[in-house]
Amino acid sequence: MRKRISQSPFEEQIGYSRAVVDGPWIFVSGTTGYNYKDMTISNDIKEQTRQCLENIIWALQEADAELKDVVRVHYIVPNANEFESCWPILKEYFGDIRPAATMFSAGLMNPQMKIEIEVTCYKS
């Protein structure tokens, strides 16, 4: 049975889910650094990275999963030169998990957004 999880006004406005659970698989949509409690976003990519990951953790909890279930992660950053500054935060969250990962450099929907993170999980 498929379960859809939503978190922000963006999902309804655009027509997607923050996450979709389908059997043991959990697909978390590209997630940005917005604090959805007050709809603010930091100007700092490191703070946005941490907020992205906290938003993803929230979605995974709603899916009865954890960060340790992540098997693939995609990072999307408009400015590839800024990505290295995120590495310590990414290592803090994924250092022991070490999912397969890819970084893309591409424009995001809003110029305030400095990083977007998408994960795929398998809950055994």
PDB file of N, CA and C in Angstrom:
ATOM      1  N   MET A   1       0.838  -1.181   0.000  1.00  0.00           N
ATOM      2  CA  MET A   1       0.000   0.000   0.000  1.00  0.00           C
ATOM      3  C   MET A   1       0.884   1.245   0.000  1.00  0.00           C
ATOM      4  N   ARG A   2       0.553   2.193  -0.811  1.00  0.00           N
ATOM      5  CA  ARG A   2       1.337   3.415  -0.951  1.00  0.00           C
ATOM      6  C   ARG A   2       0.864   4.455   0.061  1.00  0.00           C
ATOM      7  N   LYS A   3       1.832   5.109   0.699  1.00  0.00           N
ATOM      8  CA  LYS A   3       1.537   6.177   1.663  1.00  0.00           C
ATOM      9  C   LYS A   3       2.239   7.440   1.197  1.00  0.00           C
ATOM     10  N   ARG A   4       1.518   8.555   1.211  1.00  0.00           N
ATOM     11  CA  ARG A   4       2.104   9.847   0.849  1.00  0.00           C
ATOM     12  C   ARG A   4       2.259  10.702   2.097  1.00  0.00           C
ATOM     13  N   ILE A   5       3.385  11.418   2.159  1.00  0.00           N
ATOM     14  CA  ILE A   5       3.699  12.268   3.308  1.00  0.00           C
ATOM     15  C   ILE A   5       3.922  13.678   2.793  1.00  0.00           C
ATOM     16  N   SER A   6       3.292  14.659   3.438  1.00  0.00           N
ATOM     17  CA  SER A   6       3.475  16.061   3.064  1.00  0.00           C
ATOM     18  C   SER A   6       3.915  16.863   4.274  1.00  0.00           C
ATOM     19  N   GLN A   7       4.597  17.971   3.999  1.00  0.00           N
ATOM     20  CA  GLN A   7       5.186  18.764   5.076  1.00  0.00           C
ATOM     21  C   GLN A   7       4.985  20.261   4.892  1.00  0.00           C
ATOM     22  N   SER A   8       4.969  20.734   3.664  1.00  0.00           N
ATOM     23  CA  SER A   8       4.965  22.177   3.425  1.00  0.00           C
ATOM     24  C   SER A   8       3.852  22.554   2.460  1.00  0.00           C
ATOM     25  N   PRO A   9       3.600  23.856   2.313  1.00  0.00           N
ATOM     26  CA  PRO A   9       2.594  24.282   1.338  1.00  0.00           C
ATOM     27  C   PRO A   9       3.016  24.005  -0.106  1.00  0.00           C
ATOM     28  N   PHE A  10       4.301  23.808  -0.350  1.00  0.00           N
ATOM     29  CA  PHE A  10       4.782  23.572  -1.707  1.00  0.00           C
ATOM     30  C   PHE A  10       4.165  22.311  -2.324  1.00  0.00           C
ATOM     31  N   GLU A  11       3.993  21.268  -1.525  1.00  0.00           N
ATOM     32  CA  GLU A  11       3.495  20.011  -2.070  1.00  0.00           C
ATOM     33  C   GLU A  11       2.110  20.180  -2.715  1.00  0.00           C
ATOM     34  N   GLU A  12       1.218  20.842  -2.011  1.00  0.00           N
ATOM     35  CA  GLU A  12      -0.118  21.027  -2.570  1.00  0.00           C
ATOM     36  C   GLU A  12      -0.102  22.003  -3.741  1.00  0.00           C
ATOM     37  N   GLN A  13       0.689  23.072  -3.628  1.00  0.00           N
ATOM     38  CA  GLN A  13       0.750  24.077  -4.699  1.00  0.00           C
ATOM     39  C   GLN A  13       1.281  23.491  -6.005  1.00  0.00           C
ATOM     40  N   ILE A  14       2.263  22.598  -5.897  1.00  0.00           N
ATOM     41  CA  ILE A  14       2.931  22.078  -7.087  1.00  0.00           C
ATOM     42  C   ILE A  14       2.371  20.716  -7.489  1.00  0.00           C
ATOM     43  N   GLY A  15       1.884  19.947  -6.528  1.00  0.00           N
ATOM     44  CA  GLY A  15       1.297  18.642  -6.827  1.00  0.00           C
ATOM     45  C   GLY A  15       2.271  17.490  -6.674  1.00  0.00           C
ATOM     46  N   TYR A  16       2.905  17.400  -5.521  1.00  0.00           N
ATOM     47  CA  TYR A  16       3.808  16.284  -5.237  1.00  0.00           C
ATOM     48  C   TYR A  16       3.748  15.974  -3.749  1.00  0.00           C
ATOM     49  N   SER A  17       4.446  14.937  -3.337  1.00  0.00           N
ATOM     50  CA  SER A  17       4.523  14.575  -1.926  1.00  0.00           C
ATOM     51  C   SER A  17       5.956  14.746  -1.443  1.00  0.00           C
ATOM     52  N   ARG A  18       6.134  15.120  -0.195  1.00  0.00           N
ATOM     53  CA  ARG A  18       7.477  15.193   0.401  1.00  0.00           C
ATOM     54  C   ARG A  18       8.133  13.826   0.338  1.00  0.00           C
ATOM     55  N   ALA A  19       7.336  12.792   0.622  1.00  0.00           N
ATOM     56  CA  ALA A  19       7.853  11.429   0.546  1.00  0.00           C
ATOM     57  C   ALA A  19       6.730  10.492   0.143  1.00  0.00           C
ATOM     58  N   VAL A  20       7.128   9.402  -0.492  1.00  0.00           N
ATOM     59  CA  VAL A  20       6.199   8.339  -0.850  1.00  0.00           C
ATOM     60  C   VAL A  20       6.791   7.034  -0.337  1.00  0.00           C
ATOM     61  N   VAL A  21       5.971   6.305   0.404  1.00  0.00           N
ATOM     62  CA  VAL A  21       6.369   4.993   0.914  1.00  0.00           C
ATOM     63  C   VAL A  21       5.659   3.962   0.053  1.00  0.00           C
ATOM     64  N   ASP A  22       6.423   3.028  -0.493  1.00  0.00           N
ATOM     65  CA  ASP A  22       5.856   1.960  -1.305  1.00  0.00           C
ATOM     66  C   ASP A  22       6.562   0.667  -0.917  1.00  0.00           C
ATOM     67  N   GLY A  23       5.913  -0.114  -0.087  1.00  0.00           N
ATOM     68  CA  GLY A  23       6.541  -1.323   0.453  1.00  0.00           C
ATOM     69  C   GLY A  23       7.745  -0.933   1.297  1.00  0.00           C
ATOM     70  N   PRO A  24       8.892  -1.567   1.083  1.00  0.00           N
ATOM     71  CA  PRO A  24      10.073  -1.244   1.877  1.00  0.00           C
ATOM     72  C   PRO A  24      10.815   0.005   1.379  1.00  0.00           C
ATOM     73  N   TRP A  25      10.358   0.570   0.261  1.00  0.00           N
ATOM     74  CA  TRP A  25      11.031   1.732  -0.334  1.00  0.00           C
ATOM     75  C   TRP A  25      10.405   3.039   0.142  1.00  0.00           C
ATOM     76  N   ILE A  26      11.265   4.022   0.395  1.00  0.00           N
ATOM     77  CA  ILE A  26      10.823   5.374   0.747  1.00  0.00           C
ATOM     78  C   ILE A  26      11.577   6.335  -0.160  1.00  0.00           C
ATOM     79  N   PHE A  27      10.829   7.120  -0.897  1.00  0.00           N
ATOM     80  CA  PHE A  27      11.397   8.099  -1.818  1.00  0.00           C
ATOM     81  C   PHE A  27      11.096   9.491  -1.264  1.00  0.00           C
ATOM     82  N   VAL A  28      12.136  10.212  -0.881  1.00  0.00           N
ATOM     83  CA  VAL A  28      11.955  11.559  -0.341  1.00  0.00           C
ATOM     84  C   VAL A  28      12.310  12.551  -1.448  1.00  0.00           C
ATOM     85  N   SER A  29      11.357  13.412  -1.765  1.00  0.00           N
ATOM     86  CA  SER A  29      11.560  14.425  -2.808  1.00  0.00           C
ATOM     87  C   SER A  29      12.716  15.341  -2.474  1.00  0.00           C
ATOM     88  N   GLY A  30      13.214  16.023  -3.497  1.00  0.00           N
ATOM     89  CA  GLY A  30      14.220  17.050  -3.275  1.00  0.00           C
ATOM     90  C   GLY A  30      13.732  17.997  -2.195  1.00  0.00           C
ATOM     91  N   THR A  31      14.535  18.168  -1.164  1.00  0.00           N
ATOM     92  CA  THR A  31      14.152  18.930   0.025  1.00  0.00           C
ATOM     93  C   THR A  31      15.133  20.076   0.211  1.00  0.00           C
ATOM     94  N   THR A  32      14.602  21.273   0.366  1.00  0.00           N
ATOM     95  CA  THR A  32      15.451  22.455   0.524  1.00  0.00           C
ATOM     96  C   THR A  32      15.556  22.847   1.990  1.00  0.00           C
ATOM     97  N   GLY A  33      16.272  23.926   2.234  1.00  0.00           N
ATOM     98  CA  GLY A  33      16.588  24.355   3.587  1.00  0.00           C
ATOM     99  C   GLY A  33      15.558  25.245   4.246  1.00  0.00           C
ATOM    100  N   TYR A  34      14.321  25.207   3.789  1.00  0.00           N
ATOM    101  CA  TYR A  34      13.285  25.994   4.460  1.00  0.00           C
ATOM    102  C   TYR A  34      12.980  25.410   5.832  1.00  0.00           C
ATOM    103  N   ASN A  35      12.814  26.295   6.791  1.00  0.00           N
ATOM    104  CA  ASN A  35      12.253  25.909   8.082  1.00  0.00           C
ATOM    105  C   ASN A  35      10.746  26.025   7.897  1.00  0.00           C
ATOM    106  N   TYR A  36      10.072  24.888   7.798  1.00  0.00           N
ATOM    107  CA  TYR A  36       8.647  24.905   7.461  1.00  0.00           C
ATOM    108  C   TYR A  36       7.768  25.394   8.596  1.00  0.00           C
ATOM    109  N   LYS A  37       8.313  25.495   9.806  1.00  0.00           N
ATOM    110  CA  LYS A  37       7.523  26.020  10.921  1.00  0.00           C
ATOM    111  C   LYS A  37       7.216  27.502  10.720  1.00  0.00           C
ATOM    112  N   ASP A  38       8.198  28.243  10.179  1.00  0.00           N
ATOM    113  CA  ASP A  38       7.961  29.677   9.979  1.00  0.00           C
ATOM    114  C   ASP A  38       8.243  30.129   8.546  1.00  0.00           C
ATOM    115  N   MET A  39       8.468  29.159   7.648  1.00  0.00           N
ATOM    116  CA  MET A  39       8.712  29.406   6.227  1.00  0.00           C
ATOM    117  C   MET A  39       9.852  30.402   5.995  1.00  0.00           C
ATOM    118  N   THR A  40      10.940  30.219   6.756  1.00  0.00           N
ATOM    119  CA  THR A  40      12.135  31.035   6.559  1.00  0.00           C
ATOM    120  C   THR A  40      13.235  30.152   5.986  1.00  0.00           C
ATOM    121  N   ILE A  41      14.224  30.804   5.383  1.00  0.00           N
ATOM    122  CA  ILE A  41      15.374  30.084   4.848  1.00  0.00           C
ATOM    123  C   ILE A  41      16.617  30.929   5.111  1.00  0.00           C
ATOM    124  N   SER A  42      17.655  30.303   5.604  1.00  0.00           N
ATOM    125  CA  SER A  42      18.903  30.988   5.900  1.00  0.00           C
ATOM    126  C   SER A  42      19.609  31.372   4.599  1.00  0.00           C
ATOM    127  N   ASN A  43      20.484  32.348   4.671  1.00  0.00           N
ATOM    128  CA  ASN A  43      21.318  32.708   3.524  1.00  0.00           C
ATOM    129  C   ASN A  43      22.581  31.863   3.454  1.00  0.00           C
ATOM    130  N   ASP A  44      22.833  31.053   4.478  1.00  0.00           N
ATOM    131  CA  ASP A  44      24.059  30.277   4.589  1.00  0.00           C
ATOM    132  C   ASP A  44      23.832  28.841   4.103  1.00  0.00           C
ATOM    133  N   ILE A  45      24.643  28.368   3.176  1.00  0.00           N
ATOM    134  CA  ILE A  45      24.463  27.019   2.626  1.00  0.00           C
ATOM    135  C   ILE A  45      24.632  25.942   3.691  1.00  0.00           C
ATOM    136  N   LYS A  46      25.509  26.165   4.659  1.00  0.00           N
ATOM    137  CA  LYS A  46      25.697  25.165   5.710  1.00  0.00           C
ATOM    138  C   LYS A  46      24.445  25.051   6.575  1.00  0.00           C
ATOM    139  N   GLU A  47      23.854  26.177   6.928  1.00  0.00           N
ATOM    140  CA  GLU A  47      22.612  26.150   7.707  1.00  0.00           C
ATOM    141  C   GLU A  47      21.479  25.527   6.886  1.00  0.00           C
ATOM    142  N   GLN A  48      21.444  25.837   5.593  1.00  0.00           N
ATOM    143  CA  GLN A  48      20.424  25.226   4.731  1.00  0.00           C
ATOM    144  C   GLN A  48      20.617  23.718   4.646  1.00  0.00           C
ATOM    145  N   THR A  49      21.869  23.272   4.574  1.00  0.00           N
ATOM    146  CA  THR A  49      22.150  21.838   4.505  1.00  0.00           C
ATOM    147  C   THR A  49      21.617  21.137   5.750  1.00  0.00           C
ATOM    148  N   ARG A  50      21.909  21.704   6.905  1.00  0.00           N
ATOM    149  CA  ARG A  50      21.425  21.113   8.165  1.00  0.00           C
ATOM    150  C   ARG A  50      19.893  21.088   8.188  1.00  0.00           C
ATOM    151  N   GLN A  51      19.253  22.174   7.751  1.00  0.00           N
ATOM    152  CA  GLN A  51      17.791  22.225   7.750  1.00  0.00           C
ATOM    153  C   GLN A  51      17.216  21.223   6.749  1.00  0.00           C
ATOM    154  N   CYS A  52      17.849  21.074   5.578  1.00  0.00           N
ATOM    155  CA  CYS A  52      17.410  20.045   4.613  1.00  0.00           C
ATOM    156  C   CYS A  52      17.372  18.685   5.287  1.00  0.00           C
ATOM    157  N   LEU A  53      18.457  18.358   5.964  1.00  0.00           N
ATOM    158  CA  LEU A  53      18.570  17.042   6.587  1.00  0.00           C
ATOM    159  C   LEU A  53      17.571  16.866   7.722  1.00  0.00           C
ATOM    160  N   GLU A  54      17.318  17.913   8.480  1.00  0.00           N
ATOM    161  CA  GLU A  54      16.304  17.830   9.534  1.00  0.00           C
ATOM    162  C   GLU A  54      14.911  17.647   8.924  1.00  0.00           C
ATOM    163  N   ASN A  55      14.638  18.304   7.801  1.00  0.00           N
ATOM    164  CA  ASN A  55      13.361  18.119   7.110  1.00  0.00           C
ATOM    165  C   ASN A  55      13.234  16.687   6.598  1.00  0.00           C
ATOM    166  N   ILE A  56      14.324  16.133   6.094  1.00  0.00           N
ATOM    167  CA  ILE A  56      14.319  14.750   5.618  1.00  0.00           C
ATOM    168  C   ILE A  56      14.100  13.791   6.783  1.00  0.00           C
ATOM    169  N   ILE A  57      14.761  14.034   7.895  1.00  0.00           N
ATOM    170  CA  ILE A  57      14.569  13.185   9.082  1.00  0.00           C
ATOM    171  C   ILE A  57      13.107  13.199   9.506  1.00  0.00           C
ATOM    172  N   TRP A  58      12.471  14.378   9.481  1.00  0.00           N
ATOM    173  CA  TRP A  58      11.050  14.463   9.823  1.00  0.00           C
ATOM    174  C   TRP A  58      10.229  13.568   8.903  1.00  0.00           C
ATOM    175  N   ALA A  59      10.476  13.658   7.592  1.00  0.00           N
ATOM    176  CA  ALA A  59       9.717  12.855   6.627  1.00  0.00           C
ATOM    177  C   ALA A  59       9.948  11.363   6.862  1.00  0.00           C
ATOM    178  N   LEU A  60      11.183  11.004   7.157  1.00  0.00           N
ATOM    179  CA  LEU A  60      11.485   9.589   7.413  1.00  0.00           C
ATOM    180  C   LEU A  60      10.786   9.096   8.674  1.00  0.00           C
ATOM    181  N   GLN A  61      10.732   9.920   9.704  1.00  0.00           N
ATOM    182  CA  GLN A  61      10.014   9.532  10.920  1.00  0.00           C
ATOM    183  C   GLN A  61       8.541   9.301  10.621  1.00  0.00           C
ATOM    184  N   GLU A  62       7.970  10.157   9.771  1.00  0.00           N
ATOM    185  CA  GLU A  62       6.561   9.975   9.371  1.00  0.00           C
ATOM    186  C   GLU A  62       6.369   8.670   8.606  1.00  0.00           C
ATOM    187  N   ALA A  63       7.445   8.205   7.960  1.00  0.00           N
ATOM    188  CA  ALA A  63       7.413   6.956   7.191  1.00  0.00           C
ATOM    189  C   ALA A  63       7.864   5.768   8.037  1.00  0.00           C
ATOM    190  N   ASP A  64       8.043   5.998   9.339  1.00  0.00           N
ATOM    191  CA  ASP A  64       8.512   4.955  10.259  1.00  0.00           C
ATOM    192  C   ASP A  64       9.882   4.429   9.831  1.00  0.00           C
ATOM    193  N   ALA A  65      10.761   5.365   9.457  1.00  0.00           N
ATOM    194  CA  ALA A  65      12.112   5.021   9.017  1.00  0.00           C
ATOM    195  C   ALA A  65      13.101   5.975   9.679  1.00  0.00           C
ATOM    196  N   GLU A  66      14.365   5.731   9.422  1.00  0.00           N
ATOM    197  CA  GLU A  66      15.436   6.542   9.988  1.00  0.00           C
ATOM    198  C   GLU A  66      16.457   6.872   8.910  1.00  0.00           C
ATOM    199  N   LEU A  67      17.334   7.793   9.232  1.00  0.00           N
ATOM    200  CA  LEU A  67      18.391   8.172   8.302  1.00  0.00           C
ATOM    201  C   LEU A  67      19.255   6.969   7.925  1.00  0.00           C
ATOM    202  N   LYS A  68      19.407   6.019   8.837  1.00  0.00           N
ATOM    203  CA  LYS A  68      20.235   4.835   8.554  1.00  0.00           C
ATOM    204  C   LYS A  68      19.655   3.991   7.424  1.00  0.00           C
ATOM    205  N   ASP A  69      18.401   4.224   7.049  1.00  0.00           N
ATOM    206  CA  ASP A  69      17.767   3.492   5.956  1.00  0.00           C
ATOM    207  C   ASP A  69      18.077   4.090   4.583  1.00  0.00           C
ATOM    208  N   VAL A  70      18.763   5.223   4.544  1.00  0.00           N
ATOM    209  CA  VAL A  70      19.089   5.886   3.271  1.00  0.00           C
ATOM    210  C   VAL A  70      20.115   5.043   2.512  1.00  0.00           C
ATOM    211  N   VAL A  71      19.796   4.739   1.254  1.00  0.00           N
ATOM    212  CA  VAL A  71      20.721   3.988   0.399  1.00  0.00           C
ATOM    213  C   VAL A  71      21.272   4.837  -0.744  1.00  0.00           C
ATOM    214  N   ARG A  72      20.601   5.943  -1.078  1.00  0.00           N
ATOM    215  CA  ARG A  72      21.042   6.814  -2.158  1.00  0.00           C
ATOM    216  C   ARG A  72      20.704   8.239  -1.790  1.00  0.00           C
ATOM    217  N   VAL A  73      21.624   9.161  -2.103  1.00  0.00           N
ATOM    218  CA  VAL A  73      21.373  10.584  -1.875  1.00  0.00           C
ATOM    219  C   VAL A  73      21.846  11.365  -3.097  1.00  0.00           C
ATOM    220  N   HIS A  74      21.032  12.347  -3.483  1.00  0.00           N
ATOM    221  CA  HIS A  74      21.398  13.285  -4.543  1.00  0.00           C
ATOM    222  C   HIS A  74      21.470  14.683  -3.931  1.00  0.00           C
ATOM    223  N   TYR A  75      22.554  15.362  -4.204  1.00  0.00           N
ATOM    224  CA  TYR A  75      22.725  16.751  -3.782  1.00  0.00           C
ATOM    225  C   TYR A  75      22.644  17.615  -5.026  1.00  0.00           C
ATOM    226  N   ILE A  76      21.885  18.692  -4.960  1.00  0.00           N
ATOM    227  CA  ILE A  76      21.785  19.630  -6.072  1.00  0.00           C
ATOM    228  C   ILE A  76      22.159  21.006  -5.537  1.00  0.00           C
ATOM    229  N   VAL A  77      23.179  21.591  -6.122  1.00  0.00           N
ATOM    230  CA  VAL A  77      23.637  22.911  -5.691  1.00  0.00           C
ATOM    231  C   VAL A  77      23.817  23.806  -6.914  1.00  0.00           C
ATOM    232  N   PRO A  78      23.310  25.033  -6.861  1.00  0.00           N
ATOM    233  CA  PRO A  78      23.513  25.949  -7.982  1.00  0.00           C
ATOM    234  C   PRO A  78      24.989  26.324  -8.179  1.00  0.00           C
ATOM    235  N   ASN A  79      25.711  26.474  -7.076  1.00  0.00           N
ATOM    236  CA  ASN A  79      27.118  26.867  -7.145  1.00  0.00           C
ATOM    237  C   ASN A  79      27.968  25.715  -6.621  1.00  0.00           C
ATOM    238  N   ALA A  80      28.549  24.948  -7.550  1.00  0.00           N
ATOM    239  CA  ALA A  80      29.336  23.772  -7.165  1.00  0.00           C
ATOM    240  C   ALA A  80      30.498  24.129  -6.244  1.00  0.00           C
ATOM    241  N   ASN A  81      30.987  25.352  -6.325  1.00  0.00           N
ATOM    242  CA  ASN A  81      32.103  25.772  -5.475  1.00  0.00           C
ATOM    243  C   ASN A  81      31.722  25.831  -3.998  1.00  0.00           C
ATOM    244  N   GLU A  82      30.433  25.923  -3.687  1.00  0.00           N
ATOM    245  CA  GLU A  82      29.987  25.985  -2.292  1.00  0.00           C
ATOM    246  C   GLU A  82      29.809  24.605  -1.660  1.00  0.00           C
ATOM    247  N   PHE A  83      29.778  23.561  -2.482  1.00  0.00           N
ATOM    248  CA  PHE A  83      29.443  22.234  -1.970  1.00  0.00           C
ATOM    249  C   PHE A  83      30.434  21.746  -0.923  1.00  0.00           C
ATOM    250  N   GLU A  84      31.700  21.982  -1.116  1.00  0.00           N
ATOM    251  CA  GLU A  84      32.702  21.479  -0.174  1.00  0.00           C
ATOM    252  C   GLU A  84      32.473  21.996   1.248  1.00  0.00           C
ATOM    253  N   SER A  85      31.935  23.204   1.385  1.00  0.00           N
ATOM    254  CA  SER A  85      31.690  23.746   2.726  1.00  0.00           C
ATOM    255  C   SER A  85      30.617  22.944   3.470  1.00  0.00           C
ATOM    256  N   CYS A  86      29.822  22.152   2.755  1.00  0.00           N
ATOM    257  CA  CYS A  86      28.768  21.324   3.366  1.00  0.00           C
ATOM    258  C   CYS A  86      29.289  19.980   3.853  1.00  0.00           C
ATOM    259  N   TRP A  87      30.454  19.575   3.395  1.00  0.00           N
ATOM    260  CA  TRP A  87      30.952  18.229   3.689  1.00  0.00           C
ATOM    261  C   TRP A  87      30.963  17.877   5.169  1.00  0.00           C
ATOM    262  N   PRO A  88      31.419  18.763   6.073  1.00  0.00           N
ATOM    263  CA  PRO A  88      31.411  18.375   7.496  1.00  0.00           C
ATOM    264  C   PRO A  88      30.008  18.059   8.021  1.00  0.00           C
ATOM    265  N   ILE A  89      29.010  18.792   7.550  1.00  0.00           N
ATOM    266  CA  ILE A  89      27.631  18.542   7.989  1.00  0.00           C
ATOM    267  C   ILE A  89      27.131  17.230   7.399  1.00  0.00           C
ATOM    268  N   LEU A  90      27.425  16.995   6.135  1.00  0.00           N
ATOM    269  CA  LEU A  90      27.010  15.748   5.497  1.00  0.00           C
ATOM    270  C   LEU A  90      27.667  14.552   6.182  1.00  0.00           C
ATOM    271  N   LYS A  91      28.933  14.694   6.542  1.00  0.00           N
ATOM    272  CA  LYS A  91      29.623  13.611   7.245  1.00  0.00           C
ATOM    273  C   LYS A  91      29.005  13.372   8.619  1.00  0.00           C
ATOM    274  N   GLU A  92      28.597  14.453   9.282  1.00  0.00           N
ATOM    275  CA  GLU A  92      27.949  14.322  10.593  1.00  0.00           C
ATOM    276  C   GLU A  92      26.690  13.459  10.500  1.00  0.00           C
ATOM    277  N   TYR A  93      25.908  13.652   9.450  1.00  0.00           N
ATOM    278  CA  TYR A  93      24.644  12.925   9.297  1.00  0.00           C
ATOM    279  C   TYR A  93      24.826  11.566   8.616  1.00  0.00           C
ATOM    280  N   PHE A  94      25.710  11.488   7.614  1.00  0.00           N
ATOM    281  CA  PHE A  94      25.826  10.286   6.794  1.00  0.00           C
ATOM    282  C   PHE A  94      27.135   9.526   6.959  1.00  0.00           C
ATOM    283  N   GLY A  95      28.026   9.994   7.840  1.00  0.00           N
ATOM    284  CA  GLY A  95      29.356   9.412   7.959  1.00  0.00           C
ATOM    285  C   GLY A  95      29.380   7.922   8.209  1.00  0.00           C
ATOM    286  N   ASP A  96      28.491   7.424   9.058  1.00  0.00           N
ATOM    287  CA  ASP A  96      28.448   5.991   9.349  1.00  0.00           C
ATOM    288  C   ASP A  96      27.539   5.236   8.377  1.00  0.00           C
ATOM    289  N   ILE A  97      26.640   5.935   7.724  1.00  0.00           N
ATOM    290  CA  ILE A  97      25.673   5.315   6.810  1.00  0.00           C
ATOM    291  C   ILE A  97      26.296   5.116   5.430  1.00  0.00           C
ATOM    292  N   ARG A  98      26.965   6.140   4.963  1.00  0.00           N
ATOM    293  CA  ARG A  98      27.678   6.151   3.685  1.00  0.00           C
ATOM    294  C   ARG A  98      26.846   5.647   2.509  1.00  0.00           C
ATOM    295  N   PRO A  99      25.717   6.326   2.215  1.00  0.00           N
ATOM    296  CA  PRO A  99      24.902   5.921   1.066  1.00  0.00           C
ATOM    297  C   PRO A  99      25.610   6.251  -0.246  1.00  0.00           C
ATOM    298  N   ALA A 100      25.163   5.632  -1.325  1.00  0.00           N
ATOM    299  CA  ALA A 100      25.620   6.024  -2.654  1.00  0.00           C
ATOM    300  C   ALA A 100      25.190   7.478  -2.854  1.00  0.00           C
ATOM    301  N   ALA A 101      26.046   8.292  -3.476  1.00  0.00           N
ATOM    302  CA  ALA A 101      25.744   9.725  -3.565  1.00  0.00           C
ATOM    303  C   ALA A 101      26.210  10.311  -4.890  1.00  0.00           C
ATOM    304  N   THR A 102      25.478  11.332  -5.321  1.00  0.00           N
ATOM    305  CA  THR A 102      25.833  12.097  -6.510  1.00  0.00           C
ATOM    306  C   THR A 102      25.530  13.556  -6.241  1.00  0.00           C
ATOM    307  N   MET A 103      26.414  14.443  -6.692  1.00  0.00           N
ATOM    308  CA  MET A 103      26.174  15.882  -6.600  1.00  0.00           C
ATOM    309  C   MET A 103      25.981  16.423  -8.007  1.00  0.00           C
ATOM    310  N   PHE A 104      24.908  17.187  -8.186  1.00  0.00           N
ATOM    311  CA  PHE A 104      24.634  17.867  -9.443  1.00  0.00           C
ATOM    312  C   PHE A 104      24.735  19.367  -9.199  1.00  0.00           C
ATOM    313  N   SER A 105      25.191  20.091 -10.186  1.00  0.00           N
ATOM    314  CA  SER A 105      25.144  21.547 -10.125  1.00  0.00           C
ATOM    315  C   SER A 105      24.081  22.004 -11.113  1.00  0.00           C
ATOM    316  N   ALA A 106      23.023  22.623 -10.581  1.00  0.00           N
ATOM    317  CA  ALA A 106      21.895  23.056 -11.409  1.00  0.00           C
ATOM    318  C   ALA A 106      21.148  24.166 -10.684  1.00  0.00           C
ATOM    319  N   GLY A 107      20.432  24.954 -11.437  1.00  0.00           N
ATOM    320  CA  GLY A 107      19.612  25.997 -10.841  1.00  0.00           C
ATOM    321  C   GLY A 107      18.475  25.393 -10.034  1.00  0.00           C
ATOM    322  N   LEU A 108      18.072  26.109  -8.990  1.00  0.00           N
ATOM    323  CA  LEU A 108      16.942  25.689  -8.173  1.00  0.00           C
ATOM    324  C   LEU A 108      15.791  26.666  -8.364  1.00  0.00           C
ATOM    325  N   MET A 109      14.627  26.329  -7.861  1.00  0.00           N
ATOM    326  CA  MET A 109      13.407  27.086  -8.106  1.00  0.00           C
ATOM    327  C   MET A 109      13.494  28.543  -7.641  1.00  0.00           C
ATOM    328  N   ASN A 110      14.210  28.774  -6.559  1.00  0.00           N
ATOM    329  CA  ASN A 110      14.271  30.094  -5.949  1.00  0.00           C
ATOM    330  C   ASN A 110      15.752  30.424  -5.725  1.00  0.00           C
ATOM    331  N   PRO A 111      16.209  31.628  -6.082  1.00  0.00           N
ATOM    332  CA  PRO A 111      17.628  31.949  -5.904  1.00  0.00           C
ATOM    333  C   PRO A 111      18.098  31.925  -4.447  1.00  0.00           C
ATOM    334  N   GLN A 112      17.179  31.977  -3.486  1.00  0.00           N
ATOM    335  CA  GLN A 112      17.556  31.858  -2.070  1.00  0.00           C
ATOM    336  C   GLN A 112      18.028  30.450  -1.731  1.00  0.00           C
ATOM    337  N   MET A 113      17.570  29.475  -2.501  1.00  0.00           N
ATOM    338  CA  MET A 113      17.906  28.073  -2.236  1.00  0.00           C
ATOM    339  C   MET A 113      19.327  27.792  -2.709  1.00  0.00           C
ATOM    340  N   LYS A 114      20.157  27.305  -1.783  1.00  0.00           N
ATOM    341  CA  LYS A 114      21.556  27.039  -2.097  1.00  0.00           C
ATOM    342  C   LYS A 114      21.864  25.548  -2.198  1.00  0.00           C
ATOM    343  N   ILE A 115      20.940  24.703  -1.739  1.00  0.00           N
ATOM    344  CA  ILE A 115      21.118  23.253  -1.818  1.00  0.00           C
ATOM    345  C   ILE A 115      19.755  22.582  -1.740  1.00  0.00           C
ATOM    346  N   GLU A 116      19.646  21.467  -2.443  1.00  0.00           N
ATOM    347  CA  GLU A 116      18.457  20.621  -2.374  1.00  0.00           C
ATOM    348  C   GLU A 116      18.985  19.190  -2.228  1.00  0.00           C
ATOM    349  N   ILE A 117      18.348  18.415  -1.359  1.00  0.00           N
ATOM    350  CA  ILE A 117      18.791  17.051  -1.105  1.00  0.00           C
ATOM    351  C   ILE A 117      17.603  16.104  -1.291  1.00  0.00           C
ATOM    352  N   GLU A 118      17.859  15.031  -2.041  1.00  0.00           N
ATOM    353  CA  GLU A 118      16.850  14.006  -2.305  1.00  0.00           C
ATOM    354  C   GLU A 118      17.417  12.669  -1.843  1.00  0.00           C
ATOM    355  N   VAL A 119      16.610  11.865  -1.147  1.00  0.00           N
ATOM    356  CA  VAL A 119      17.108  10.561  -0.691  1.00  0.00           C
ATOM    357  C   VAL A 119      16.136   9.448  -1.078  1.00  0.00           C
ATOM    358  N   THR A 120      16.714   8.268  -1.218  1.00  0.00           N
ATOM    359  CA  THR A 120      15.962   7.042  -1.415  1.00  0.00           C
ATOM    360  C   THR A 120      16.357   6.109  -0.273  1.00  0.00           C
ATOM    361  N   CYS A 121      15.360   5.481   0.336  1.00  0.00           N
ATOM    362  CA  CYS A 121      15.601   4.603   1.473  1.00  0.00           C
ATOM    363  C   CYS A 121      15.038   3.222   1.186  1.00  0.00           C
ATOM    364  N   TYR A 122      15.649   2.254   1.801  1.00  0.00           N
ATOM    365  CA  TYR A 122      15.142   0.895   1.778  1.00  0.00           C
ATOM    366  C   TYR A 122      15.073   0.436   3.229  1.00  0.00           C
ATOM    367  N   LYS A 123      13.866   0.128   3.649  1.00  0.00           N
ATOM    368  CA  LYS A 123      13.657  -0.293   5.045  1.00  0.00           C
ATOM    369  C   LYS A 123      13.475  -1.802   5.054  1.00  0.00           C
ATOM    370  N   SER A 124      14.517  -2.496   5.505  1.00  0.00           N
ATOM    371  CA  SER A 124      14.466  -3.961   5.495  1.00  0.00           C
ATOM    372  C   SER A 124      13.734  -4.498   6.699  1.00  0.00           C
TER     373      SER A 124
END
